[in-house]
Amino acid sequence: MSFTVRARVSARQFSFQHLSMLGALDQSLTLLSAGMSDVRIVDANGRIFSPTSFHQVLFGAAPVATPTVNAAAQISAKLAA
């Protein structure tokens, strides 16, 4: 599959071709850290991704920590015991 990474700096637009998802993601993150704007990844079907959404497609969404008990309640319970 083919991926195109696009980015802008000032009035100039850049475009880079990649054959792998990982290569496209790495390039997009490098461009972001270099200060480029409007960094996008376009797949062979024309779908457009931000680097963050592409990362989620590649690796899945990051697990969200959901505490079952409030930390303050745990401390209060320990102090009361």
Protein backbone atom coordinates (compact mmCIF):
# COMPACT_ATOMS: atom_id res chain seq x y z
CA MET A 1 0.00 0.00 0.00
CA SER A 2 1.16 3.55 -0.70
CA PHE A 3 1.07 6.50 1.71
CA THR A 4 1.72 10.16 1.05
CA VAL A 5 2.84 12.45 3.86
CA ARG A 6 2.04 16.11 3.26
CA ALA A 7 3.18 19.12 5.26
CA ARG A 8 3.51 22.88 4.96
CA VAL A 9 5.97 25.47 6.17
CA SER A 10 5.21 29.09 5.28
CA ALA A 11 3.99 29.07 1.66
CA ARG A 12 5.81 25.87 0.69
CA GLN A 13 4.13 22.47 0.62
CA PHE A 14 6.05 19.21 0.81
CA SER A 15 4.98 15.71 -0.17
CA PHE A 16 6.76 12.42 0.65
CA GLN A 17 5.88 8.91 -0.58
CA HIS A 18 6.10 5.83 1.67
CA LEU A 19 5.34 2.16 1.13
CA SER A 20 4.79 1.34 4.80
CA MET A 21 2.44 2.70 7.45
CA LEU A 22 5.27 2.88 9.97
CA GLY A 23 7.49 4.86 7.60
CA ALA A 24 4.68 7.33 6.93
CA LEU A 25 3.96 7.73 10.64
CA ASP A 26 7.64 8.25 11.46
CA GLN A 27 7.99 10.89 8.71
CA SER A 28 4.85 12.72 9.85
CA LEU A 29 6.01 12.89 13.47
CA THR A 30 9.44 14.10 12.37
CA LEU A 31 7.87 16.87 10.29
CA LEU A 32 5.68 17.92 13.22
CA SER A 33 8.65 18.09 15.56
CA ALA A 34 10.52 20.16 12.96
CA GLY A 35 7.78 22.78 13.20
CA MET A 36 5.88 22.07 9.99
CA SER A 37 2.13 22.62 9.93
CA ASP A 38 -0.86 20.88 8.36
CA VAL A 39 0.90 17.50 8.50
CA ARG A 40 -1.37 14.86 6.97
CA ILE A 41 -1.06 11.25 5.82
CA VAL A 42 -3.08 10.19 2.78
CA ASP A 43 -3.54 6.49 2.04
CA ALA A 44 -4.00 4.85 -1.37
CA ASN A 45 -7.80 5.14 -1.03
CA GLY A 46 -7.59 8.91 -0.50
CA ARG A 47 -8.39 8.81 3.22
CA ILE A 48 -6.68 11.64 5.11
CA PHE A 49 -5.28 11.15 8.63
CA SER A 50 -3.58 13.36 11.16
CA PRO A 51 -0.46 11.77 12.68
CA THR A 52 -2.43 11.12 15.89
CA SER A 53 -5.33 9.39 14.17
CA PHE A 54 -2.92 7.40 11.99
CA HIS A 55 -1.09 6.25 15.13
CA GLN A 56 -4.43 5.03 16.53
CA VAL A 57 -5.15 3.12 13.31
CA LEU A 58 -1.72 1.49 13.42
CA PHE A 59 -1.43 0.73 17.14
CA GLY A 60 -4.99 1.08 18.44
CA ALA A 61 -6.31 3.59 20.91
CA ALA A 62 -4.35 4.11 24.10
CA PRO A 63 -6.01 2.51 27.11
CA VAL A 64 -7.72 5.01 29.37
CA ALA A 65 -7.06 4.67 33.09
CA THR A 66 -10.33 4.63 34.99
CA PRO A 67 -9.81 4.51 38.72
CA THR A 68 -12.42 2.49 40.57
CA VAL A 69 -12.02 4.32 43.87
CA ASN A 70 -11.18 7.95 44.44
CA ALA A 71 -7.61 8.34 45.71
CA ALA A 72 -8.73 10.73 48.45
CA ALA A 73 -11.26 8.19 49.66
CA GLN A 74 -8.55 5.53 49.83
CA ILE A 75 -6.31 7.79 51.92
CA SER A 76 -9.18 8.70 54.24
CA ALA A 77 -10.02 5.04 54.73
CA LYS A 78 -6.41 4.21 55.60
CA LEU A 79 -6.19 7.07 58.08
CA ALA A 80 -9.46 6.08 59.75
CA ALA A 81 -8.32 2.47 60.21
